[in-house]
Amino acid sequence: MLPITLENEVPPEVDIKEILKQRKKTLDLFREILPSLQQTGKDLLTEDHDIAKYSAFMVNRAMSKHIDCLAVATVMNQLPGIPARSHYLVYLNTIRKYKRRFVKWKDDGETKKLENVEEKASLISAYCGFSMRYARTVTHLYSDEVLAKMEKQMEKGG
């Protein structure tokens, strides 16, 4: 149903393709920025709107997942006030360009699992007298029921 206008004119058709062409394209971190730093070596941050959208924290986090980029990522983490363009250029000119394997980022569930292992290891270490290193290796041998009994016996009153 067409909207009613005073002159009963049909509104002009809007071309979606033209609107999309006019909209400035922002760079995607995982599809464009990181591959340019790690593989292609092309300078993509040339426009002001791209520099404004650049996330130095996320680039540092992504680069620190690769062993050959870790030293540069550590140095860049120690320079929080560096401008985005300079941050990008340091990575662009110092990182060796080749296709790196995908590194899975840990999510909150995996972090909670690691914290849970540490809690179990400290309980086993205190109860059995094991070192923390050995207790971490044997946490999978103890069921939750056994750990609950250990924790109950380790409780100190008063």
Protein backbone atom coordinates (compact mmCIF):
# COMPACT_ATOMS: atom_id res chain seq x y z
CA MET A 1 0.00 0.00 0.00
CA LEU A 2 1.41 3.36 -1.03
CA PRO A 3 1.48 6.23 1.44
CA ILE A 4 -1.03 8.94 0.69
CA THR A 5 0.47 12.27 -0.27
CA LEU A 6 -1.23 15.56 -0.88
CA GLU A 7 -0.52 15.52 -4.59
CA ASN A 8 -1.11 11.69 -4.85
CA GLU A 9 2.33 11.23 -6.29
CA VAL A 10 4.16 7.95 -6.11
CA PRO A 11 7.38 8.31 -4.03
CA PRO A 12 10.58 7.65 -5.97
CA GLU A 13 12.07 4.18 -5.68
CA VAL A 14 15.14 3.92 -3.48
CA ASP A 15 18.03 2.00 -4.97
CA ILE A 16 19.60 -0.12 -2.23
CA LYS A 17 22.76 -0.76 -4.24
CA GLU A 18 23.46 2.96 -4.52
CA ILE A 19 23.05 3.43 -0.79
CA LEU A 20 25.44 0.57 -0.08
CA LYS A 21 28.02 2.00 -2.49
CA GLN A 22 27.82 5.40 -0.82
CA ARG A 23 28.25 3.99 2.67
CA LYS A 24 31.85 3.89 3.75
CA LYS A 25 33.14 0.36 4.11
CA THR A 26 34.73 -0.36 7.47
CA LEU A 27 37.52 -2.90 7.72
CA ASP A 28 36.84 -6.23 9.40
CA LEU A 29 39.47 -7.27 11.95
CA PHE A 30 39.56 -10.98 11.15
CA ARG A 31 38.96 -10.86 7.41
CA GLU A 32 41.06 -7.87 6.40
CA ILE A 33 43.25 -6.27 9.09
CA LEU A 34 44.89 -9.39 10.54
CA PRO A 35 45.49 -11.03 7.13
CA SER A 36 47.08 -7.80 5.91
CA LEU A 37 49.44 -7.81 8.90
CA GLN A 38 50.23 -11.53 8.82
CA GLN A 39 50.10 -12.53 5.15
CA THR A 40 49.74 -9.88 2.46
CA GLY A 41 51.63 -6.89 3.85
CA LYS A 42 49.26 -4.40 2.17
CA ASP A 43 48.64 -1.13 4.00
CA LEU A 44 44.86 -0.97 4.51
CA LEU A 45 44.58 1.82 7.09
CA THR A 46 44.66 4.79 4.77
CA GLU A 47 41.31 6.44 5.53
CA ASP A 48 40.48 8.37 8.70
CA HIS A 49 37.32 6.36 9.36
CA ASP A 50 39.35 3.12 9.21
CA ILE A 51 41.86 4.47 11.71
CA ALA A 52 39.03 5.51 14.04
CA LYS A 53 37.58 1.98 14.01
CA TYR A 54 40.97 0.27 14.53
CA SER A 55 41.14 -1.66 17.84
CA ALA A 56 44.73 -1.89 19.04
CA PHE A 57 43.71 -4.12 21.95
CA MET A 58 42.14 -6.75 19.71
CA VAL A 59 45.09 -6.70 17.30
CA ASN A 60 47.51 -7.15 20.24
CA ARG A 61 45.40 -10.00 21.57
CA ALA A 62 45.24 -11.73 18.19
CA MET A 63 48.96 -11.33 17.53
CA SER A 64 49.94 -12.62 20.96
CA LYS A 65 48.41 -16.00 20.07
CA HIS A 66 51.26 -16.66 17.60
CA ILE A 67 54.68 -17.53 19.02
CA ASP A 68 56.63 -15.56 16.42
CA CYS A 69 54.56 -12.42 17.07
CA LEU A 70 54.65 -12.62 20.86
CA ALA A 71 57.68 -10.37 21.38
CA VAL A 72 56.23 -7.59 19.23
CA ALA A 73 52.83 -7.95 20.91
CA THR A 74 54.47 -7.63 24.34
CA VAL A 75 56.26 -4.44 23.32
CA MET A 76 53.08 -3.01 21.81
CA ASN A 77 51.15 -3.80 25.01
CA GLN A 78 53.68 -1.70 26.90
CA LEU A 79 52.93 1.29 24.65
CA PRO A 80 49.22 1.99 25.23
CA GLY A 81 49.28 5.60 24.08
CA ILE A 82 50.69 4.99 20.61
CA PRO A 83 48.45 6.27 17.78
CA ALA A 84 46.43 3.66 15.88
CA ARG A 85 48.19 4.31 12.57
CA SER A 86 51.64 3.89 14.19
CA HIS A 87 50.47 0.75 15.98
CA TYR A 88 49.35 -0.75 12.69
CA LEU A 89 52.56 0.22 10.89
CA VAL A 90 54.78 -1.33 13.58
CA TYR A 91 53.05 -4.67 13.12
CA LEU A 92 52.97 -4.29 9.34
CA ASN A 93 56.71 -3.71 9.10
CA THR A 94 58.01 -6.09 11.81
CA ILE A 95 55.97 -9.26 11.41
CA ARG A 96 57.17 -11.82 8.88
CA LYS A 97 54.50 -12.44 6.24
CA TYR A 98 53.27 -16.01 5.82
CA LYS A 99 50.05 -17.95 6.34
CA ARG A 100 49.70 -18.83 10.00
CA ARG A 101 47.57 -21.57 11.45
CA PHE A 102 44.30 -20.57 13.03
CA VAL A 103 44.63 -20.32 16.80
CA LYS A 104 41.45 -20.89 18.76
CA TRP A 105 40.72 -18.23 21.34
CA LYS A 106 39.74 -19.49 24.78
CA ASP A 107 36.20 -18.70 25.76
CA ASP A 108 34.81 -18.19 29.26
CA GLY A 109 33.86 -21.87 29.59
CA GLU A 110 37.46 -22.99 29.07
CA THR A 111 38.71 -20.36 31.52
CA LYS A 112 36.25 -21.58 34.14
CA LYS A 113 37.41 -25.15 33.53
CA LEU A 114 41.01 -24.09 34.15
CA GLU A 115 40.00 -22.33 37.36
CA ASN A 116 38.08 -25.44 38.42
CA VAL A 117 41.17 -27.60 37.81
CA GLU A 118 43.23 -25.25 39.98
CA GLU A 119 40.66 -25.48 42.80
CA LYS A 120 40.60 -29.28 42.56
CA ALA A 121 44.41 -29.41 42.47
CA SER A 122 44.73 -27.27 45.59
CA LEU A 123 42.23 -29.50 47.43
CA ILE A 124 44.05 -32.68 46.35
CA SER A 125 47.40 -31.14 47.25
CA ALA A 126 46.24 -30.20 50.75
CA TYR A 127 44.44 -33.51 51.40
CA CYS A 128 47.01 -35.94 49.98
CA GLY A 129 50.18 -33.93 50.51
CA PHE A 130 51.02 -33.84 46.80
CA SER A 131 52.83 -30.97 45.15
CA MET A 132 50.61 -28.63 43.11
CA ARG A 133 52.31 -29.76 39.92
CA TYR A 134 51.53 -33.42 40.59
CA ALA A 135 48.04 -32.61 41.89
CA ARG A 136 47.19 -30.90 38.55
CA THR A 137 48.13 -34.06 36.68
CA VAL A 138 45.92 -36.33 38.81
CA THR A 139 42.77 -34.18 39.05
CA HIS A 140 41.05 -36.21 36.34
CA LEU A 141 41.38 -39.36 38.50
CA TYR A 142 39.15 -38.04 41.28
CA SER A 143 35.37 -37.94 40.87
CA ASP A 144 33.26 -35.08 42.16
CA GLU A 145 31.90 -37.26 44.97
CA VAL A 146 35.39 -38.10 46.22
CA LEU A 147 36.39 -34.45 46.03
CA ALA A 148 33.28 -33.47 48.01
CA LYS A 149 34.22 -36.00 50.71
CA MET A 150 37.78 -34.63 50.78
CA GLU A 151 36.48 -31.10 51.12
CA LYS A 152 34.15 -32.12 53.94
CA GLN A 153 37.01 -33.79 55.82
CA MET A 154 39.27 -30.76 55.28
CA GLU A 155 36.72 -28.33 56.80
CA LYS A 156 37.92 -26.71 59.98
CA GLY A 157 35.33 -25.64 62.49
CA GLY A 158 35.11 -22.60 64.60
